[in-house]
Protein backbone atom coordinates (compact mmCIF):
# COMPACT_ATOMS: atom_id res chain seq x y z
CA UNK A 1 55.12 114.63 103.84
CA UNK A 2 56.73 114.29 99.93
CA UNK A 3 59.59 112.50 100.57
CA UNK A 4 63.52 113.09 99.35
CA UNK A 5 64.62 110.67 96.40
CA UNK A 6 68.32 110.58 96.36
CA UNK A 7 70.54 109.89 92.68
CA UNK A 8 74.50 110.37 92.00
CA UNK A 9 76.02 109.47 88.62
CA UNK A 10 78.26 111.45 85.80
CA UNK A 11 75.36 111.85 83.46
CA UNK A 12 78.01 112.67 80.34
CA UNK A 13 76.00 112.76 76.76
CA UNK A 14 72.30 113.22 78.50
CA UNK A 15 70.25 110.40 77.13
CA UNK A 16 66.57 108.95 76.97
CA UNK A 17 68.41 106.30 79.79
CA UNK A 18 68.69 109.08 82.19
CA UNK A 19 65.77 110.31 81.74
CA UNK A 20 63.95 106.96 82.26
CA UNK A 21 66.71 106.96 85.19
CA UNK A 22 64.79 109.93 87.15
CA UNK A 23 61.92 109.23 86.17
CA UNK A 24 61.73 106.14 87.93
CA UNK A 25 63.29 107.84 90.75
CA UNK A 26 60.77 110.73 90.90
CA UNK A 27 57.50 108.28 91.20
CA UNK A 28 59.23 107.72 94.44
CA UNK A 29 59.45 111.73 95.80
CA UNK A 30 60.98 115.04 95.17
CA UNK A 31 64.23 114.32 93.33
CA UNK A 32 67.81 115.25 93.58
CA UNK A 33 70.91 114.40 91.36
CA UNK A 34 74.33 114.65 92.70
CA UNK A 35 76.58 115.34 90.10
CA UNK A 36 80.40 113.76 90.12
CA UNK A 37 83.02 116.81 89.06
CA UNK A 38 85.67 116.55 86.24
CA UNK A 39 87.80 116.07 88.97
CA UNK A 40 85.97 112.30 90.23
CA UNK A 41 86.22 111.89 86.20
CA UNK A 42 89.65 111.67 85.77
CA UNK A 43 90.42 109.54 88.67
CA UNK A 44 88.04 107.68 88.41
CA UNK A 45 87.84 106.66 84.62
CA UNK A 46 90.51 107.46 83.80
CA UNK A 47 89.52 110.18 80.71
CA UNK A 48 87.58 113.46 80.97
CA UNK A 49 83.92 113.95 80.55
CA UNK A 50 82.61 115.57 77.28
CA UNK A 51 80.71 117.39 79.15
CA UNK A 52 82.05 119.54 81.57
CA UNK A 53 80.66 119.45 85.65
CA UNK A 54 78.94 122.68 84.08
CA UNK A 55 77.51 122.17 81.52
CA UNK A 56 76.03 118.43 82.89
CA UNK A 57 74.97 120.14 85.50
CA UNK A 58 72.45 123.22 84.00
CA UNK A 59 71.27 119.88 81.39
CA UNK A 60 70.41 117.79 85.00
CA UNK A 61 68.51 121.15 86.53
CA UNK A 62 66.84 121.87 83.71
CA UNK A 63 64.85 118.80 84.14
CA UNK A 64 61.44 118.84 84.37
CA UNK A 65 61.15 116.43 87.57
CA UNK A 66 64.55 117.26 88.84
CA UNK A 67 63.94 119.12 91.75
CA UNK A 68 67.36 120.52 93.06
CA UNK A 69 71.13 119.18 91.07
CA UNK A 70 75.09 120.13 92.31
CA UNK A 71 78.46 118.38 91.87
CA UNK A 72 79.24 116.48 94.67
CA UNK A 73 82.53 117.75 96.89
CA UNK A 74 83.93 114.49 97.72
CA UNK A 75 86.22 112.84 95.53
CA UNK A 76 86.13 108.80 94.07
CA UNK A 77 82.98 106.31 93.99
CA UNK A 78 82.17 108.16 97.36
CA UNK A 79 82.20 111.65 96.57
CA UNK A 80 78.51 112.77 97.50
CA UNK A 81 78.39 111.08 101.34
CA UNK A 82 78.92 115.04 102.58
CA UNK A 83 75.73 115.27 100.33
CA UNK A 84 73.64 112.99 101.76
CA UNK A 85 74.12 113.52 105.66
CA UNK A 86 73.71 117.25 104.44
CA UNK A 87 70.68 116.50 102.70
CA UNK A 88 69.27 112.66 104.88
CA UNK A 89 66.96 111.67 101.77
CA UNK A 90 64.45 109.12 102.53
CA UNK A 91 65.19 107.13 99.54
CA UNK A 92 68.93 106.87 97.93
CA UNK A 93 67.76 105.39 94.20
CA UNK A 94 70.82 103.64 92.33
CA UNK A 95 70.73 101.36 89.19
CA UNK A 96 71.91 97.49 89.19
CA UNK A 97 75.60 98.40 87.84
CA UNK A 98 75.93 101.29 90.82
CA UNK A 99 74.77 99.40 94.10
CA UNK A 100 78.25 99.45 95.73
CA UNK A 101 78.80 97.80 99.52
CA UNK A 102 80.10 101.27 101.47
CA UNK A 103 76.34 102.74 100.00
CA UNK A 104 74.28 99.97 101.68
CA UNK A 105 76.54 100.36 105.19
CA UNK A 106 76.17 104.48 104.73
CA UNK A 107 72.68 104.04 104.18
CA UNK A 108 72.31 101.44 107.11
CA UNK A 109 73.88 103.81 109.19
CA UNK A 110 72.09 107.09 108.28
CA UNK A 111 68.44 105.06 108.47
CA UNK A 112 68.46 105.23 104.92
CA UNK A 113 66.42 103.04 101.70
CA UNK A 114 68.35 102.13 99.67
CA UNK A 115 66.31 101.36 96.44
CA UNK A 116 67.31 99.80 93.10
CA UNK A 117 66.20 101.15 90.00
CA UNK A 118 64.52 97.95 87.65
CA UNK A 119 66.25 100.27 84.02
CA UNK A 120 63.06 100.25 83.20
CA UNK A 121 63.05 101.95 79.09
CA UNK A 122 60.39 104.80 78.63
CA UNK A 123 57.56 103.02 76.62
CA UNK A 124 58.35 102.95 72.82
CA UNK A 125 62.13 103.26 73.67
CA UNK A 126 65.46 101.42 73.27
CA UNK A 127 67.36 101.22 76.54
CA UNK A 128 70.64 103.49 76.36
CA UNK A 129 74.02 103.48 78.10
CA UNK A 130 76.46 106.27 78.07
CA UNK A 131 79.37 103.09 77.44
CA UNK A 132 77.46 102.86 73.83
CA UNK A 133 76.80 105.86 73.11
CA UNK A 134 80.74 106.85 72.82
CA UNK A 135 81.26 104.39 70.78
CA UNK A 136 79.98 100.91 69.25
CA UNK A 137 82.52 98.91 70.65
CA UNK A 138 82.07 95.02 70.67
CA UNK A 139 85.57 94.25 71.62
CA UNK A 140 85.03 92.64 74.87
CA UNK A 141 86.81 91.87 78.35
CA UNK A 142 88.08 89.49 79.98
CA UNK A 143 87.36 87.53 84.20
CA UNK A 144 89.29 84.32 84.85
CA UNK A 145 87.59 81.83 87.31
CA UNK A 146 90.39 80.01 88.00
CA UNK A 147 94.09 79.40 88.21
CA UNK A 148 94.82 83.35 87.72
CA UNK A 149 98.69 83.79 88.26
CA UNK A 150 99.93 80.66 86.21
CA UNK A 151 100.22 82.51 82.62
CA UNK A 152 103.45 83.77 85.07
CA UNK A 153 106.12 82.13 84.50
CA UNK A 154 107.43 82.96 88.08
CA UNK A 155 104.59 81.04 89.13
CA UNK A 156 104.47 78.54 86.81
CA UNK A 157 107.66 77.73 87.33
CA UNK A 158 107.21 75.58 89.99
CA UNK A 159 104.15 73.67 88.66
CA UNK A 160 102.44 73.89 85.41
CA UNK A 161 98.86 74.36 85.41
CA UNK A 162 95.98 75.67 83.21
CA UNK A 163 94.19 78.91 83.49
CA UNK A 164 90.40 79.20 82.82
CA UNK A 165 88.64 82.15 81.33
CA UNK A 166 85.62 83.63 80.27
CA UNK A 167 84.70 86.49 77.96
CA UNK A 168 82.73 89.14 78.32
CA UNK A 169 79.95 91.46 76.36
CA UNK A 170 81.08 94.84 77.03
CA UNK A 171 77.64 95.41 78.61
CA UNK A 172 78.95 97.03 81.69
CA UNK A 173 81.07 99.78 81.79
CA UNK A 174 83.79 97.97 84.18
CA UNK A 175 86.19 100.07 86.65
CA UNK A 176 89.45 100.14 85.07
CA UNK A 177 92.21 98.56 87.50
CA UNK A 178 89.13 95.73 88.06
CA UNK A 179 90.53 92.99 87.12
CA UNK A 180 88.90 92.62 83.78
CA UNK A 181 91.81 93.21 81.12
CA UNK A 182 90.50 96.73 80.52
CA UNK A 183 93.96 97.50 79.92
CA UNK A 184 94.53 95.01 77.50
CA UNK A 185 91.03 95.72 75.94
CA UNK A 186 92.09 99.05 75.20
CA UNK A 187 95.58 98.26 73.34
CA UNK A 188 92.66 96.10 70.90
CA UNK A 189 90.90 99.03 70.26
CA UNK A 190 93.26 100.82 69.19
CA UNK A 191 94.85 97.41 67.16
CA UNK A 192 90.87 96.85 66.12
CA UNK A 193 88.72 99.80 66.84
CA UNK A 194 85.77 98.26 66.47
CA UNK A 195 85.86 94.89 67.16
CA UNK A 196 87.91 91.28 66.62
CA UNK A 197 88.63 90.47 63.51
CA UNK A 198 87.66 87.60 61.52
CA UNK A 199 91.05 85.37 61.23
CA UNK A 200 92.71 82.45 63.29
CA UNK A 201 92.28 83.12 66.41
CA UNK A 202 95.61 82.23 67.95
CA UNK A 203 97.32 84.21 65.99
CA UNK A 204 94.96 87.44 66.83
CA UNK A 205 95.53 86.49 70.34
CA UNK A 206 99.64 87.03 70.17
CA UNK A 207 99.65 89.97 67.65
CA UNK A 208 97.93 91.66 70.64
CA UNK A 209 99.40 89.70 73.68
CA UNK A 210 102.66 91.21 71.95
CA UNK A 211 101.37 94.87 71.41
CA UNK A 212 100.69 95.16 75.25
CA UNK A 213 104.01 94.00 75.77
CA UNK A 214 106.61 95.29 73.08
CA UNK A 215 110.60 94.54 73.51
CA UNK A 216 111.71 96.35 76.60
CA UNK A 217 108.44 95.74 78.61
CA UNK A 218 109.58 95.34 82.45
CA UNK A 219 106.55 93.89 83.47
CA UNK A 220 105.67 91.08 81.13
CA UNK A 221 101.10 91.22 80.84
CA UNK A 222 100.14 87.89 81.57
CA UNK A 223 98.99 86.33 77.65
CA UNK A 224 95.28 85.16 79.48
CA UNK A 225 94.39 88.47 79.08
CA UNK A 226 94.79 88.69 75.43
CA UNK A 227 93.47 85.30 74.79
CA UNK A 228 89.89 85.42 77.31
CA UNK A 229 89.65 88.80 75.15
CA UNK A 230 89.58 87.58 71.60
CA UNK A 231 88.82 83.60 72.60
CA UNK A 232 84.95 83.44 73.50
CA UNK A 233 82.78 81.33 75.54
CA UNK A 234 84.80 79.88 78.00
CA UNK A 235 88.30 78.86 78.16
CA UNK A 236 91.32 76.43 79.81
CA UNK A 237 94.62 77.00 79.18
CA UNK A 238 97.24 75.22 79.25
CA UNK A 239 100.69 76.60 80.55
CA UNK A 240 103.55 75.25 80.52
CA UNK A 241 105.95 74.43 83.48
CA UNK A 242 107.98 78.04 82.83
CA UNK A 243 106.25 79.73 80.06
CA UNK A 244 104.46 83.00 78.65
CA UNK A 245 102.67 81.56 76.27
CA UNK A 246 99.96 78.22 76.35
CA UNK A 247 100.55 74.76 74.41
CA UNK A 248 97.10 73.92 74.12
CA UNK A 249 94.28 76.27 73.94
CA UNK A 250 90.28 73.85 74.86
CA UNK A 251 87.68 76.39 73.62
CA UNK A 252 83.70 75.53 75.35
CA UNK A 253 81.29 77.28 73.62
CA UNK A 254 77.91 75.44 73.61
CA UNK A 255 74.77 77.24 75.04
CA UNK A 256 74.14 74.88 77.44
CA UNK A 257 77.50 75.34 78.75
CA UNK A 258 77.87 79.28 78.60
CA UNK A 259 73.89 79.55 79.57
CA UNK A 260 74.48 77.54 82.87
CA UNK A 261 78.01 79.59 83.59
CA UNK A 262 75.69 83.21 83.28
CA UNK A 263 73.61 81.95 85.22
CA UNK A 264 75.33 81.32 88.66
CA UNK A 265 77.69 83.27 88.74
CA UNK A 266 76.94 87.50 90.30
CA UNK A 267 79.57 90.40 90.68
CA UNK A 268 79.76 93.02 93.15
CA UNK A 269 81.70 96.17 92.64
CA UNK A 270 84.54 96.69 95.57
CA UNK A 271 85.98 99.81 96.51
CA UNK A 272 89.24 100.95 94.36
CA UNK A 273 92.32 100.06 95.58
CA UNK A 274 94.15 102.46 97.88
CA UNK A 275 97.68 104.19 96.63
CA UNK A 276 100.77 102.92 96.36
CA UNK A 277 98.72 99.28 96.35
CA UNK A 278 101.75 96.83 95.45
CA UNK A 279 100.25 93.51 94.39
CA UNK A 280 103.79 92.36 94.89
CA UNK A 281 104.60 92.54 97.75
CA UNK A 282 105.76 89.81 100.45
CA UNK A 283 104.94 87.15 98.09
CA UNK A 284 105.57 83.26 99.24
CA UNK A 285 105.40 81.15 95.68
CA UNK A 286 105.86 77.79 96.52
CA UNK A 287 105.77 74.47 94.99
CA UNK A 288 102.46 73.38 97.00
CA UNK A 289 100.87 76.41 96.16
CA UNK A 290 101.80 76.27 92.00
CA UNK A 291 100.03 72.97 92.83
CA UNK A 292 96.73 73.47 94.83
CA UNK A 293 96.32 76.53 91.91
CA UNK A 294 96.74 73.80 89.23
CA UNK A 295 94.19 71.52 91.03
CA UNK A 296 92.01 73.62 91.62
CA UNK A 297 91.57 74.94 88.43
CA UNK A 298 91.20 71.57 87.00
CA UNK A 299 88.61 71.13 89.59
CA UNK A 300 86.31 74.68 88.05
CA UNK A 301 86.62 72.92 84.29
CA UNK A 302 85.74 69.14 85.19
CA UNK A 303 82.32 70.94 87.51
CA UNK A 304 81.88 73.23 84.68
CA UNK A 305 82.12 70.01 82.07
CA UNK A 306 79.95 68.02 84.70
CA UNK A 307 77.41 71.29 85.12
CA UNK A 308 77.48 70.12 88.88
CA UNK A 309 77.48 73.75 90.95
CA UNK A 310 78.60 72.50 94.36
CA UNK A 311 82.18 71.67 92.99
CA UNK A 312 82.41 74.69 90.72
CA UNK A 313 82.26 77.09 94.12
CA UNK A 314 84.20 74.63 96.41
CA UNK A 315 87.40 74.35 92.86
CA UNK A 316 85.77 78.23 92.59
CA UNK A 317 87.00 79.29 95.99
CA UNK A 318 90.27 76.73 96.39
CA UNK A 319 91.47 78.56 94.05
CA UNK A 320 91.04 81.40 95.23
CA UNK A 321 92.45 80.29 98.69
CA UNK A 322 96.18 79.33 96.44
CA UNK A 323 96.54 82.65 95.03
CA UNK A 324 95.97 84.27 98.39
CA UNK A 325 98.27 81.64 99.98
CA UNK A 326 100.92 83.17 96.79
CA UNK A 327 100.13 87.05 97.15
CA UNK A 328 97.67 87.48 100.29
CA UNK A 329 98.48 91.37 99.17
CA UNK A 330 95.69 90.63 97.22
CA UNK A 331 93.16 90.97 99.89
CA UNK A 332 93.07 93.49 102.75
CA UNK A 333 90.35 93.66 105.85
CA UNK A 334 88.07 95.64 103.07
CA UNK A 335 87.92 92.48 101.07
CA UNK A 336 87.71 90.09 104.00
CA UNK A 337 84.29 92.41 105.23
CA UNK A 338 82.82 91.87 102.08
CA UNK A 339 83.37 88.34 101.39
CA UNK A 340 82.05 87.69 105.59
CA UNK A 341 79.56 89.58 104.15
CA UNK A 342 78.17 87.19 101.79
CA UNK A 343 79.68 83.68 102.42
CA UNK A 344 76.32 82.21 103.64
CA UNK A 345 74.79 83.20 99.81
CA UNK A 346 77.05 81.73 97.54
CA UNK A 347 79.13 78.43 96.70
CA UNK A 348 81.86 79.89 96.45
CA UNK A 349 84.02 83.45 95.01
CA UNK A 350 86.94 85.05 94.35
CA UNK A 351 88.03 88.69 93.97
CA UNK A 352 88.00 89.86 89.99
CA UNK A 353 90.82 92.48 91.11
CA UNK A 354 93.10 92.16 93.42
CA UNK A 355 93.82 94.58 96.05
CA UNK A 356 90.42 96.24 95.19
CA UNK A 357 89.25 98.50 92.96
CA UNK A 358 87.35 95.36 90.62
CA UNK A 359 84.58 93.07 91.54
CA UNK A 360 84.18 90.15 94.58
CA UNK A 361 82.54 86.93 92.37
CA UNK A 362 79.95 85.02 93.56
CA UNK A 363 78.76 81.38 92.11
CA UNK A 364 75.48 80.79 94.14
CA UNK A 365 72.07 78.81 93.67
CA UNK A 366 70.34 81.63 93.45
CA UNK A 367 70.08 85.66 92.79
CA UNK A 368 72.12 87.81 94.61
CA UNK A 369 70.29 90.95 95.60
CA UNK A 370 71.91 93.97 93.69
CA UNK A 371 74.32 91.84 91.57
CA UNK A 372 75.47 92.23 88.01
CA UNK A 373 74.82 89.21 85.58
CA UNK A 374 77.52 88.87 82.86
CA UNK A 375 76.84 88.03 79.28
CA UNK A 376 79.75 85.93 77.85
CA UNK A 377 80.48 85.89 74.46
CA UNK A 378 78.93 83.72 72.23
């Protein structure tokens, strides 16, 4: 009996990468496709699709390898759940960056095999993505590895300290509000269109910081976002007590160091934040926690310099624990559950986006199954 294979996605601006993905999925059996609705796209991406769901459905159903297709009835990242229960496929086929623990949990509950694509382009054709086709934009994202919150004076007034950031090439379409500085990056795109211009990096970062925080701004976004986007490589931003801007920026861009970080860093998708979420609820900021945060950041920086993986994982975890002590709402039961699932595989962990909606960041001495690897900007 022919197996049933299910895939789900947006499939806007249909291109050869989509077709190759469908071909790979269809090699396992009859292919069924669930498309995200226009409403779901606005909810998740913050913008409209180029083509409406009816247009996208028409094009996908016209492909010879597709047995049937429909618009998913649900909303959010799991908008396909009702259809999966009804179809009960043998295989749920996903891209590497489409894997989430929730999909795995659904498949386990229903007895469905979750198969992850190897992203094989059609012979002789380049790898394509919708992100690249929308606009050739090389402005990076930013991920903080340790010390995050010390760029905010209401934290650093208790202790000076450093924030450790890396600049990430835009090879992955990171979720909005995921802790990857997507809002700051959007301002950078407004300012510079497709790439960061040549020039004094600190002046460029200050310009971006001012554009994101015009006079009268009630909540000032931390400067680690603008600095982490503008400066390539891995960076140590030293913040004096109670100041928005660091008094020193140390940037490391040598290939061995960046390749070492890339080799041991993995991201796992997390579910979106709950509505009404406020990370500043019930904060417990004090001198002890701020000093622990600063101490952990120094530990991470030294571990990177020494290429000491055990210390790297341990101090990233210490930094995260110090953040949670000050901001308990950074985590919830769902995030704790995901950490528990992966903690035996990882040497350290943190989350990129407070309260969910981002990624679980793992430091490991081996590949994490279905994890996303990053490319640090050189």
